[in-house]
Amino acid sequence: SSDIDIALIDVLMPEMDGIELTRRIKHDPMLV
């Protein structure tokens, strides 16, 4: 919903860790 220029992501998080979040970002054509 926002025009994010860069993301800083912590590795250790509950539910979805930073590695999975990164993977989802990089597999989304709008966010890659």
All heavy atoms as atom14 arrays in JSON, in Angstrom:
{
  "sequence": "SSDIDIALIDVLMPEMDGIELTRRIKHDPMLV",
  "atom14_mask": [
    [1, 1, 1, 1, 1, 1, 0, 0, 0, 0, 0, 0, 0, 0],
    [1, 1, 1, 1, 1, 1, 0, 0, 0, 0, 0, 0, 0, 0],
    [1, 1, 1, 1, 1, 1, 1, 1, 0, 0, 0, 0, 0, 0],
    [1, 1, 1, 1, 1, 1, 1, 1, 0, 0, 0, 0, 0, 0],
    [1, 1, 1, 1, 1, 1, 1, 1, 0, 0, 0, 0, 0, 0],
    [1, 1, 1, 1, 1, 1, 1, 1, 0, 0, 0, 0, 0, 0],
    [1, 1, 1, 1, 1, 0, 0, 0, 0, 0, 0, 0, 0, 0],
    [1, 1, 1, 1, 1, 1, 1, 1, 0, 0, 0, 0, 0, 0],
    [1, 1, 1, 1, 1, 1, 1, 1, 0, 0, 0, 0, 0, 0],
    [1, 1, 1, 1, 1, 1, 1, 1, 0, 0, 0, 0, 0, 0],
    [1, 1, 1, 1, 1, 1, 1, 0, 0, 0, 0, 0, 0, 0],
    [1, 1, 1, 1, 1, 1, 1, 1, 0, 0, 0, 0, 0, 0],
    [1, 1, 1, 1, 1, 1, 1, 1, 0, 0, 0, 0, 0, 0],
    [1, 1, 1, 1, 1, 1, 1, 0, 0, 0, 0, 0, 0, 0],
    [1, 1, 1, 1, 1, 1, 1, 1, 1, 0, 0, 0, 0, 0],
    [1, 1, 1, 1, 1, 1, 1, 1, 0, 0, 0, 0, 0, 0],
    [1, 1, 1, 1, 1, 1, 1, 1, 0, 0, 0, 0, 0, 0],
    [1, 1, 1, 1, 0, 0, 0, 0, 0, 0, 0, 0, 0, 0],
    [1, 1, 1, 1, 1, 1, 1, 1, 0, 0, 0, 0, 0, 0],
    [1, 1, 1, 1, 1, 1, 1, 1, 1, 0, 0, 0, 0, 0],
    [1, 1, 1, 1, 1, 1, 1, 1, 0, 0, 0, 0, 0, 0],
    [1, 1, 1, 1, 1, 1, 1, 0, 0, 0, 0, 0, 0, 0],
    [1, 1, 1, 1, 1, 1, 1, 1, 1, 1, 1, 0, 0, 0],
    [1, 1, 1, 1, 1, 1, 1, 1, 1, 1, 1, 0, 0, 0],
    [1, 1, 1, 1, 1, 1, 1, 1, 0, 0, 0, 0, 0, 0],
    [1, 1, 1, 1, 1, 1, 1, 1, 1, 0, 0, 0, 0, 0],
    [1, 1, 1, 1, 1, 1, 1, 1, 1, 1, 0, 0, 0, 0],
    [1, 1, 1, 1, 1, 1, 1, 1, 0, 0, 0, 0, 0, 0],
    [1, 1, 1, 1, 1, 1, 1, 0, 0, 0, 0, 0, 0, 0],
    [1, 1, 1, 1, 1, 1, 1, 1, 0, 0, 0, 0, 0, 0],
    [1, 1, 1, 1, 1, 1, 1, 1, 0, 0, 0, 0, 0, 0],
    [1, 1, 1, 1, 1, 1, 1, 0, 0, 0, 0, 0, 0, 0]
  ],
  "atom14_positions": [
    [[0.81, -1.22, 0.0], [0.0, 0.0, 0.0], [0.84, 1.28, 0.0], [0.3, 2.36, -0.15], [-0.93, 0.01, 1.22], [-0.17, 0.09, 2.41], [0.0, 0.0, 0.0], [0.0, 0.0, 0.0], [0.0, 0.0, 0.0], [0.0, 0.0, 0.0], [0.0, 0.0, 0.0], [0.0, 0.0, 0.0], [0.0, 0.0, 0.0], [0.0, 0.0, 0.0]],
    [[2.15, 1.16, 0.18], [3.02, 2.34, 0.22], [4.15, 2.18, -0.79], [4.44, 1.09, -1.24], [3.64, 2.49, 1.62], [2.64, 2.62, 2.59], [0.0, 0.0, 0.0], [0.0, 0.0, 0.0], [0.0, 0.0, 0.0], [0.0, 0.0, 0.0], [0.0, 0.0, 0.0], [0.0, 0.0, 0.0], [0.0, 0.0, 0.0], [0.0, 0.0, 0.0]],
    [[4.78, 3.3, -1.08], [5.91, 3.29, -2.01], [7.2, 3.12, -1.22], [7.98, 4.06, -1.07], [5.91, 4.59, -2.82], [6.87, 4.55, -3.98], [7.29, 3.45, -4.38], [7.2, 5.63, -4.49], [0.0, 0.0, 0.0], [0.0, 0.0, 0.0], [0.0, 0.0, 0.0], [0.0, 0.0, 0.0], [0.0, 0.0, 0.0], [0.0, 0.0, 0.0]],
    [[7.41, 1.91, -0.69], [8.59, 1.61, 0.12], [9.81, 1.56, -0.79], [9.8, 0.89, -1.82], [8.42, 0.26, 0.87], [7.17, 0.28, 1.76], [9.68, -0.09, 1.65], [7.21, 1.25, 2.9], [0.0, 0.0, 0.0], [0.0, 0.0, 0.0], [0.0, 0.0, 0.0], [0.0, 0.0, 0.0], [0.0, 0.0, 0.0], [0.0, 0.0, 0.0]],
    [[10.87, 2.25, -0.38], [12.1, 2.27, -1.18], [13.08, 1.18, -0.77], [13.86, 0.71, -1.61], [12.77, 3.64, -1.07], [11.93, 4.73, -1.71], [11.57, 4.58, -2.89], [11.62, 5.72, -1.03], [0.0, 0.0, 0.0], [0.0, 0.0, 0.0], [0.0, 0.0, 0.0], [0.0, 0.0, 0.0], [0.0, 0.0, 0.0], [0.0, 0.0, 0.0]],
    [[13.07, 0.81, 0.52], [14.0, -0.21, 1.01], [13.44, -0.78, 2.31], [12.72, -0.08, 3.03], [15.42, 0.38, 1.21], [16.44, -0.72, 1.45], [15.43, 1.43, 2.3], [17.88, -0.26, 1.25], [0.0, 0.0, 0.0], [0.0, 0.0, 0.0], [0.0, 0.0, 0.0], [0.0, 0.0, 0.0], [0.0, 0.0, 0.0], [0.0, 0.0, 0.0]],
    [[13.74, -2.04, 2.58], [13.23, -2.69, 3.8], [14.39, -3.2, 4.65], [15.31, -3.83, 4.14], [12.31, -3.85, 3.43], [0.0, 0.0, 0.0], [0.0, 0.0, 0.0], [0.0, 0.0, 0.0], [0.0, 0.0, 0.0], [0.0, 0.0, 0.0], [0.0, 0.0, 0.0], [0.0, 0.0, 0.0], [0.0, 0.0, 0.0], [0.0, 0.0, 0.0]],
    [[14.32, -2.91, 5.96], [15.25, -3.46, 6.95], [14.44, -4.48, 7.75], [13.47, -4.11, 8.41], [15.76, -2.37, 7.89], [16.63, -1.29, 7.29], [16.93, -0.21, 8.32], [17.92, -1.87, 6.79], [0.0, 0.0, 0.0], [0.0, 0.0, 0.0], [0.0, 0.0, 0.0], [0.0, 0.0, 0.0], [0.0, 0.0, 0.0], [0.0, 0.0, 0.0]],
    [[14.85, -5.74, 7.69], [14.03, -6.82, 8.25], [14.83, -7.63, 9.26], [15.91, -8.14, 8.95], [13.53, -7.74, 7.11], [12.73, -6.93, 6.09], [12.73, -8.9, 7.68], [12.35, -7.71, 4.84], [0.0, 0.0, 0.0], [0.0, 0.0, 0.0], [0.0, 0.0, 0.0], [0.0, 0.0, 0.0], [0.0, 0.0, 0.0], [0.0, 0.0, 0.0]],
    [[14.26, -7.8, 10.45], [14.86, -8.64, 11.48], [14.68, -10.11, 11.08], [13.64, -10.5, 10.55], [14.18, -8.38, 12.83], [14.84, -9.14, 13.97], [16.07, -9.3, 13.95], [14.11, -9.56, 14.88], [0.0, 0.0, 0.0], [0.0, 0.0, 0.0], [0.0, 0.0, 0.0], [0.0, 0.0, 0.0], [0.0, 0.0, 0.0], [0.0, 0.0, 0.0]],
    [[15.68, -10.93, 11.35], [15.6, -12.35, 11.02], [14.61, -13.07, 11.92], [13.73, -13.79, 11.45], [16.99, -13.04, 11.1], [16.85, -14.54, 10.99], [17.9, -12.51, 10.01], [0.0, 0.0, 0.0], [0.0, 0.0, 0.0], [0.0, 0.0, 0.0], [0.0, 0.0, 0.0], [0.0, 0.0, 0.0], [0.0, 0.0, 0.0], [0.0, 0.0, 0.0]],
    [[14.76, -12.89, 13.23], [13.96, -13.66, 14.19], [12.67, -12.93, 14.54], [12.68, -11.93, 15.26], [14.77, -13.93, 15.45], [16.02, -14.78, 15.27], [16.79, -14.9, 16.58], [15.66, -16.16, 14.72], [0.0, 0.0, 0.0], [0.0, 0.0, 0.0], [0.0, 0.0, 0.0], [0.0, 0.0, 0.0], [0.0, 0.0, 0.0], [0.0, 0.0, 0.0]],
    [[11.57, -13.44, 14.0], [10.24, -12.92, 14.31], [9.27, -14.1, 14.38], [9.47, -15.09, 13.67], [9.76, -11.93, 13.24], [10.57, -10.66, 13.14], [9.86, -9.45, 12.01], [10.0, -10.29, 10.43], [0.0, 0.0, 0.0], [0.0, 0.0, 0.0], [0.0, 0.0, 0.0], [0.0, 0.0, 0.0], [0.0, 0.0, 0.0], [0.0, 0.0, 0.0]],
    [[8.24, -13.98, 15.23], [7.26, -15.07, 15.28], [6.4, -15.09, 14.02], [6.36, -14.11, 13.28], [6.43, -14.73, 16.52], [6.62, -13.27, 16.73], [7.97, -12.93, 16.18], [0.0, 0.0, 0.0], [0.0, 0.0, 0.0], [0.0, 0.0, 0.0], [0.0, 0.0, 0.0], [0.0, 0.0, 0.0], [0.0, 0.0, 0.0], [0.0, 0.0, 0.0]],
    [[5.75, -16.17, 13.78], [4.84, -16.4, 12.65], [5.55, -16.43, 11.31], [5.56, -17.44, 10.65], [3.7, -15.37, 12.64], [2.81, -15.44, 13.86], [1.79, -14.34, 13.89], [1.38, -13.87, 12.81], [1.39, -13.95, 15.0], [0.0, 0.0, 0.0], [0.0, 0.0, 0.0], [0.0, 0.0, 0.0], [0.0, 0.0, 0.0], [0.0, 0.0, 0.0]],
    [[6.14, -15.33, 10.9], [6.89, -15.29, 9.63], [8.24, -14.66, 9.92], [8.33, -13.48, 10.24], [6.13, -14.46, 8.59], [6.83, -14.4, 7.24], [6.12, -13.19, 6.06], [4.37, -13.4, 6.2], [0.0, 0.0, 0.0], [0.0, 0.0, 0.0], [0.0, 0.0, 0.0], [0.0, 0.0, 0.0], [0.0, 0.0, 0.0], [0.0, 0.0, 0.0]],
    [[9.31, -15.44, 9.8], [10.64, -14.86, 10.08], [11.09, -13.98, 8.92], [10.46, -13.93, 7.87], [11.65, -15.95, 10.43], [12.01, -16.85, 9.25], [11.7, -16.53, 8.1], [12.64, -17.89, 9.5], [0.0, 0.0, 0.0], [0.0, 0.0, 0.0], [0.0, 0.0, 0.0], [0.0, 0.0, 0.0], [0.0, 0.0, 0.0], [0.0, 0.0, 0.0]],
    [[12.19, -13.28, 9.15], [12.68, -12.34, 8.15], [13.12, -12.99, 6.85], [13.04, -12.38, 5.78], [0.0, 0.0, 0.0], [0.0, 0.0, 0.0], [0.0, 0.0, 0.0], [0.0, 0.0, 0.0], [0.0, 0.0, 0.0], [0.0, 0.0, 0.0], [0.0, 0.0, 0.0], [0.0, 0.0, 0.0], [0.0, 0.0, 0.0], [0.0, 0.0, 0.0]],
    [[13.55, -14.23, 6.93], [13.98, -14.94, 5.71], [12.77, -15.26, 4.84], [12.79, -15.05, 3.62], [14.8, -16.18, 6.07], [16.12, -15.72, 6.72], [15.06, -17.05, 4.83], [16.93, -16.81, 7.36], [0.0, 0.0, 0.0], [0.0, 0.0, 0.0], [0.0, 0.0, 0.0], [0.0, 0.0, 0.0], [0.0, 0.0, 0.0], [0.0, 0.0, 0.0]],
    [[11.7, -15.73, 5.45], [10.47, -16.01, 4.7], [9.87, -14.72, 4.15], [9.41, -14.68, 3.01], [9.44, -16.74, 5.57], [8.13, -17.01, 4.87], [8.24, -17.85, 3.59], [9.2, -18.64, 3.46], [7.36, -17.72, 2.72], [0.0, 0.0, 0.0], [0.0, 0.0, 0.0], [0.0, 0.0, 0.0], [0.0, 0.0, 0.0], [0.0, 0.0, 0.0]],
    [[9.9, -13.65, 4.94], [9.4, -12.36, 4.46], [10.21, -11.9, 3.25], [9.65, -11.46, 2.25], [9.46, -11.32, 5.57], [9.08, -9.89, 5.19], [7.69, -9.83, 4.58], [9.19, -8.98, 6.41], [0.0, 0.0, 0.0], [0.0, 0.0, 0.0], [0.0, 0.0, 0.0], [0.0, 0.0, 0.0], [0.0, 0.0, 0.0], [0.0, 0.0, 0.0]],
    [[11.52, -12.03, 3.33], [12.38, -11.66, 2.2], [12.02, -12.49, 0.97], [11.9, -11.95, -0.14], [13.86, -11.86, 2.57], [14.18, -11.01, 3.67], [14.78, -11.55, 1.4], [0.0, 0.0, 0.0], [0.0, 0.0, 0.0], [0.0, 0.0, 0.0], [0.0, 0.0, 0.0], [0.0, 0.0, 0.0], [0.0, 0.0, 0.0], [0.0, 0.0, 0.0]],
    [[11.85, -13.78, 1.15], [11.48, -14.66, 0.05], [10.17, -14.21, -0.61], [10.07, -14.14, -1.83], [11.37, -16.1, 0.56], [11.2, -17.14, -0.53], [11.22, -18.57, 0.01], [12.55, -18.89, 0.52], [12.86, -19.11, 1.81], [11.92, -19.08, 2.74], [14.09, -19.39, 2.17], [0.0, 0.0, 0.0], [0.0, 0.0, 0.0], [0.0, 0.0, 0.0]],
    [[9.2, -13.87, 0.21], [7.9, -13.41, -0.34], [8.04, -12.1, -1.1], [7.43, -11.92, -2.15], [6.88, -13.28, 0.78], [6.44, -14.63, 1.34], [5.32, -14.49, 2.32], [5.05, -15.75, 2.96], [3.99, -15.97, 3.72], [3.1, -15.0, 3.91], [3.8, -17.14, 4.28], [0.0, 0.0, 0.0], [0.0, 0.0, 0.0], [0.0, 0.0, 0.0]],
    [[8.84, -11.2, -0.56], [9.07, -9.93, -1.25], [9.71, -10.18, -2.61], [9.29, -9.63, -3.63], [9.96, -9.0, -0.39], [9.2, -8.54, 0.85], [10.49, -7.82, -1.2], [10.07, -7.87, 1.9], [0.0, 0.0, 0.0], [0.0, 0.0, 0.0], [0.0, 0.0, 0.0], [0.0, 0.0, 0.0], [0.0, 0.0, 0.0], [0.0, 0.0, 0.0]],
    [[10.72, -11.02, -2.64], [11.47, -11.25, -3.87], [10.71, -12.11, -4.88], [11.1, -12.16, -6.05], [12.84, -11.87, -3.56], [13.73, -10.93, -2.75], [13.92, -9.59, -3.47], [14.75, -8.62, -2.68], [15.0, -7.39, -3.41], [0.0, 0.0, 0.0], [0.0, 0.0, 0.0], [0.0, 0.0, 0.0], [0.0, 0.0, 0.0], [0.0, 0.0, 0.0]],
    [[9.61, -12.75, -4.46], [8.8, -13.53, -5.4], [7.56, -12.76, -5.85], [6.79, -13.26, -6.67], [8.39, -14.87, -4.77], [9.49, -15.88, -4.82], [10.44, -15.98, -3.83], [9.81, -16.8, -5.75], [11.3, -16.94, -4.15], [10.95, -17.44, -5.3], [0.0, 0.0, 0.0], [0.0, 0.0, 0.0], [0.0, 0.0, 0.0], [0.0, 0.0, 0.0]],
    [[7.37, -11.56, -5.35], [6.23, -10.73, -5.73], [6.7, -9.77, -6.83], [7.57, -8.93, -6.59], [5.73, -9.95, -4.51], [4.49, -9.14, -4.82], [4.34, -8.64, -5.95], [3.66, -8.99, -3.9], [0.0, 0.0, 0.0], [0.0, 0.0, 0.0], [0.0, 0.0, 0.0], [0.0, 0.0, 0.0], [0.0, 0.0, 0.0], [0.0, 0.0, 0.0]],
    [[6.14, -9.88, -8.03], [6.59, -9.02, -9.14], [6.49, -7.52, -8.84], [7.27, -6.74, -9.37], [5.65, -9.39, -10.3], [5.07, -10.7, -9.93], [5.07, -10.8, -8.44], [0.0, 0.0, 0.0], [0.0, 0.0, 0.0], [0.0, 0.0, 0.0], [0.0, 0.0, 0.0], [0.0, 0.0, 0.0], [0.0, 0.0, 0.0], [0.0, 0.0, 0.0]],
    [[5.57, -7.13, -7.96], [5.42, -5.72, -7.63], [6.45, -5.25, -6.6], [6.69, -4.05, -6.46], [4.0, -5.45, -7.09], [2.91, -5.79, -8.08], [3.05, -4.9, -9.65], [2.66, -3.26, -9.09], [0.0, 0.0, 0.0], [0.0, 0.0, 0.0], [0.0, 0.0, 0.0], [0.0, 0.0, 0.0], [0.0, 0.0, 0.0], [0.0, 0.0, 0.0]],
    [[7.07, -6.18, -5.88], [7.98, -5.82, -4.8], [9.42, -6.24, -5.04], [10.32, -5.84, -4.3], [7.51, -6.44, -3.47], [6.08, -6.12, -3.04], [5.74, -6.88, -1.77], [5.89, -4.63, -2.85], [0.0, 0.0, 0.0], [0.0, 0.0, 0.0], [0.0, 0.0, 0.0], [0.0, 0.0, 0.0], [0.0, 0.0, 0.0], [0.0, 0.0, 0.0]],
    [[9.65, -7.05, -6.05], [10.95, -7.7, -6.25], [12.12, -6.73, -6.29], [13.22, -7.06, -5.85], [10.92, -8.59, -7.51], [10.79, -7.76, -8.78], [12.15, -9.47, -7.58], [0.0, 0.0, 0.0], [0.0, 0.0, 0.0], [0.0, 0.0, 0.0], [0.0, 0.0, 0.0], [0.0, 0.0, 0.0], [0.0, 0.0, 0.0], [0.0, 0.0, 0.0]]
  ]
}
